[in-house]
Amino acid sequence: MPTERIVNGRTITRYTAKEAKNLPSQSDWPRVDAMADAELTENAISDADNPPLDDAFFERAKRVRLEDFMPETKEKVCLRLDRDVVAWFRARKKKGYQTAINAALRAFIASQSTGQGR
């Protein structure tokens, strides 16, 4: 069952992954299906929220692997995570999923720092 809370005057509704899958689509798929490729491309290019990636983006981009962020020592903590997040990691790494979560967090930290990282 979805849960709701108010944050800064806005109602936030939280769904489980299963509930979200069952929500009706807000896309007008018949309209999209009727568009030509050129029209779809033009719409995508003009979307201010999703600008095209240029060569400069790819020059700055770095390919990273979770394994590159594996720590040498660990501290035991109790951490509450959403079920769907844990399920996603468990589905991809039956053994060592907690280490993969740690590596994902480390990669995020590295992406937020200014040239610093592991």
C-alpha atoms as a PDB file:
ATOM      1  CA  MET A   1       0.000   0.000   0.000  1.00  0.00           C
ATOM      2  CA  PRO A   2       1.473   3.400  -0.969  1.00  0.00           C
ATOM      3  CA  THR A   3       2.571   5.653   1.869  1.00  0.00           C
ATOM      4  CA  GLU A   4       2.267   9.420   1.792  1.00  0.00           C
ATOM      5  CA  ARG A   5       4.079  12.198   3.609  1.00  0.00           C
ATOM      6  CA  ILE A   6       4.267  15.954   3.227  1.00  0.00           C
ATOM      7  CA  VAL A   7       7.644  17.573   2.574  1.00  0.00           C
ATOM      8  CA  ASN A   8       7.913  21.337   2.105  1.00  0.00           C
ATOM      9  CA  GLY A   9       4.187  21.552   1.475  1.00  0.00           C
ATOM     10  CA  ARG A  10       4.233  18.862  -1.247  1.00  0.00           C
ATOM     11  CA  THR A  11       2.697  15.415  -0.866  1.00  0.00           C
ATOM     12  CA  ILE A  12       5.215  12.648  -1.577  1.00  0.00           C
ATOM     13  CA  THR A  13       3.736   9.230  -2.352  1.00  0.00           C
ATOM     14  CA  ARG A  14       6.041   6.246  -1.971  1.00  0.00           C
ATOM     15  CA  TYR A  15       5.402   2.974  -3.826  1.00  0.00           C
ATOM     16  CA  THR A  16       7.118  -0.369  -3.695  1.00  0.00           C
ATOM     17  CA  ALA A  17       8.662  -1.547  -6.984  1.00  0.00           C
ATOM     18  CA  LYS A  18       5.751  -3.960  -7.456  1.00  0.00           C
ATOM     19  CA  GLU A  19       3.179  -1.216  -6.883  1.00  0.00           C
ATOM     20  CA  ALA A  20       4.993   1.147  -9.244  1.00  0.00           C
ATOM     21  CA  LYS A  21       4.974  -1.476 -12.006  1.00  0.00           C
ATOM     22  CA  ASN A  22       1.184  -1.670 -11.744  1.00  0.00           C
ATOM     23  CA  LEU A  23       0.626   2.104 -12.058  1.00  0.00           C
ATOM     24  CA  PRO A  24      -0.949   3.197 -15.346  1.00  0.00           C
ATOM     25  CA  SER A  25       1.429   4.737 -17.863  1.00  0.00           C
ATOM     26  CA  GLN A  26       1.277   8.509 -18.209  1.00  0.00           C
ATOM     27  CA  SER A  27       2.716   8.332 -21.736  1.00  0.00           C
ATOM     28  CA  ASP A  28       0.569   8.739 -24.813  1.00  0.00           C
ATOM     29  CA  TRP A  29       1.943   5.629 -26.558  1.00  0.00           C
ATOM     30  CA  PRO A  30      -0.402   5.747 -29.577  1.00  0.00           C
ATOM     31  CA  ARG A  31       0.826   9.302 -30.268  1.00  0.00           C
ATOM     32  CA  VAL A  32       4.460   8.228 -29.887  1.00  0.00           C
ATOM     33  CA  ASP A  33       3.915   5.205 -32.146  1.00  0.00           C
ATOM     34  CA  ALA A  34       2.436   7.499 -34.828  1.00  0.00           C
ATOM     35  CA  MET A  35       5.502   9.792 -34.862  1.00  0.00           C
ATOM     36  CA  ALA A  36       8.200   9.456 -37.498  1.00  0.00           C
ATOM     37  CA  ASP A  37      11.795   8.889 -36.360  1.00  0.00           C
ATOM     38  CA  ALA A  38      12.752  12.419 -37.434  1.00  0.00           C
ATOM     39  CA  GLU A  39       9.998  13.904 -35.234  1.00  0.00           C
ATOM     40  CA  LEU A  40      11.023  11.767 -32.258  1.00  0.00           C
ATOM     41  CA  THR A  41      14.654  12.809 -32.720  1.00  0.00           C
ATOM     42  CA  GLU A  42      13.697  16.502 -32.948  1.00  0.00           C
ATOM     43  CA  ASN A  43      11.615  16.219 -29.759  1.00  0.00           C
ATOM     44  CA  ALA A  44      14.485  14.525 -27.941  1.00  0.00           C
ATOM     45  CA  ILE A  45      17.020  17.159 -29.054  1.00  0.00           C
ATOM     46  CA  SER A  46      14.753  20.033 -27.997  1.00  0.00           C
ATOM     47  CA  ASP A  47      14.145  18.580 -24.499  1.00  0.00           C
ATOM     48  CA  ALA A  48      15.789  21.020 -22.072  1.00  0.00           C
ATOM     49  CA  ASP A  49      15.801  18.385 -19.322  1.00  0.00           C
ATOM     50  CA  ASN A  50      17.749  15.932 -21.456  1.00  0.00           C
ATOM     51  CA  PRO A  51      20.340  17.763 -23.583  1.00  0.00           C
ATOM     52  CA  PRO A  52      22.288  15.764 -26.165  1.00  0.00           C
ATOM     53  CA  LEU A  53      25.665  14.469 -25.062  1.00  0.00           C
ATOM     54  CA  ASP A  54      28.505  16.116 -26.932  1.00  0.00           C
ATOM     55  CA  ASP A  55      32.115  15.035 -27.437  1.00  0.00           C
ATOM     56  CA  ALA A  56      33.201  17.054 -24.374  1.00  0.00           C
ATOM     57  CA  PHE A  57      30.955  14.904 -22.179  1.00  0.00           C
ATOM     58  CA  PHE A  58      32.595  11.713 -23.410  1.00  0.00           C
ATOM     59  CA  GLU A  59      36.090  13.211 -23.056  1.00  0.00           C
ATOM     60  CA  ARG A  60      35.375  13.838 -19.345  1.00  0.00           C
ATOM     61  CA  ALA A  61      33.579  10.544 -18.782  1.00  0.00           C
ATOM     62  CA  LYS A  62      35.350   7.709 -17.023  1.00  0.00           C
ATOM     63  CA  ARG A  63      34.349   4.078 -17.109  1.00  0.00           C
ATOM     64  CA  VAL A  64      34.270   2.672 -13.596  1.00  0.00           C
ATOM     65  CA  ARG A  65      33.722  -0.791 -12.226  1.00  0.00           C
ATOM     66  CA  LEU A  66      32.379  -1.499  -8.760  1.00  0.00           C
ATOM     67  CA  GLU A  67      35.384  -3.734  -8.161  1.00  0.00           C
ATOM     68  CA  ASP A  68      37.638  -0.655  -8.414  1.00  0.00           C
ATOM     69  CA  PHE A  69      36.044   0.725  -5.255  1.00  0.00           C
ATOM     70  CA  MET A  70      36.252  -2.360  -3.030  1.00  0.00           C
ATOM     71  CA  PRO A  71      37.681  -1.413   0.379  1.00  0.00           C
ATOM     72  CA  GLU A  72      40.446  -3.255   2.171  1.00  0.00           C
ATOM     73  CA  THR A  73      38.861  -3.092   5.629  1.00  0.00           C
ATOM     74  CA  LYS A  74      35.271  -2.697   6.741  1.00  0.00           C
ATOM     75  CA  GLU A  75      33.316  -1.515   9.758  1.00  0.00           C
ATOM     76  CA  LYS A  76      30.182  -3.387  10.791  1.00  0.00           C
ATOM     77  CA  VAL A  77      27.093  -1.145  10.831  1.00  0.00           C
ATOM     78  CA  CYS A  78      23.354  -1.613  10.867  1.00  0.00           C
ATOM     79  CA  LEU A  79      21.818   0.131   7.862  1.00  0.00           C
ATOM     80  CA  ARG A  80      18.195   0.189   6.758  1.00  0.00           C
ATOM     81  CA  LEU A  81      17.759   0.041   2.988  1.00  0.00           C
ATOM     82  CA  ASP A  82      14.664  -0.141   0.809  1.00  0.00           C
ATOM     83  CA  ARG A  83      13.714  -3.717  -0.046  1.00  0.00           C
ATOM     84  CA  ASP A  84      13.869  -3.078  -3.784  1.00  0.00           C
ATOM     85  CA  VAL A  85      17.416  -1.717  -3.473  1.00  0.00           C
ATOM     86  CA  VAL A  86      18.603  -4.807  -1.592  1.00  0.00           C
ATOM     87  CA  ALA A  87      16.724  -7.061  -4.032  1.00  0.00           C
ATOM     88  CA  TRP A  88      18.437  -5.368  -6.987  1.00  0.00           C
ATOM     89  CA  PHE A  89      21.918  -6.001  -5.547  1.00  0.00           C
ATOM     90  CA  ARG A  90      21.066  -9.547  -4.429  1.00  0.00           C
ATOM     91  CA  ALA A  91      19.751 -10.402  -7.899  1.00  0.00           C
ATOM     92  CA  ARG A  92      23.041  -9.346  -9.475  1.00  0.00           C
ATOM     93  CA  LYS A  93      25.465 -10.657  -6.852  1.00  0.00           C
ATOM     94  CA  LYS A  94      24.115 -13.571  -4.843  1.00  0.00           C
ATOM     95  CA  LYS A  95      27.331 -13.676  -2.847  1.00  0.00           C
ATOM     96  CA  GLY A  96      28.952 -10.376  -1.913  1.00  0.00           C
ATOM     97  CA  TYR A  97      25.941  -8.144  -2.500  1.00  0.00           C
ATOM     98  CA  GLN A  98      26.786  -6.115   0.625  1.00  0.00           C
ATOM     99  CA  THR A  99      30.260  -5.481  -0.751  1.00  0.00           C
ATOM    100  CA  ALA A 100      28.674  -4.368  -4.024  1.00  0.00           C
ATOM    101  CA  ILE A 101      26.429  -1.908  -2.129  1.00  0.00           C
ATOM    102  CA  ASN A 102      29.521  -0.550  -0.380  1.00  0.00           C
ATOM    103  CA  ALA A 103      31.307  -0.204  -3.738  1.00  0.00           C
ATOM    104  CA  ALA A 104      28.315   1.642  -5.230  1.00  0.00           C
ATOM    105  CA  LEU A 105      28.349   4.069  -2.295  1.00  0.00           C
ATOM    106  CA  ARG A 106      32.113   4.555  -2.701  1.00  0.00           C
ATOM    107  CA  ALA A 107      31.671   5.243  -6.443  1.00  0.00           C
ATOM    108  CA  PHE A 108      29.002   7.822  -5.617  1.00  0.00           C
ATOM    109  CA  ILE A 109      31.315   9.519  -3.115  1.00  0.00           C
ATOM    110  CA  ALA A 110      34.089   9.624  -5.715  1.00  0.00           C
ATOM    111  CA  SER A 111      31.723  11.142  -8.283  1.00  0.00           C
ATOM    112  CA  GLN A 112      30.836  13.940  -5.846  1.00  0.00           C
ATOM    113  CA  SER A 113      34.378  14.940  -4.984  1.00  0.00           C
ATOM    114  CA  THR A 114      36.484  17.318  -7.015  1.00  0.00           C
ATOM    115  CA  GLY A 115      39.026  15.014  -8.567  1.00  0.00           C
ATOM    116  CA  GLN A 116      39.510  13.130  -5.332  1.00  0.00           C
ATOM    117  CA  GLY A 117      38.609   9.566  -4.773  1.00  0.00           C
ATOM    118  CA  ARG A 118      40.115   6.258  -4.101  1.00  0.00           C
END
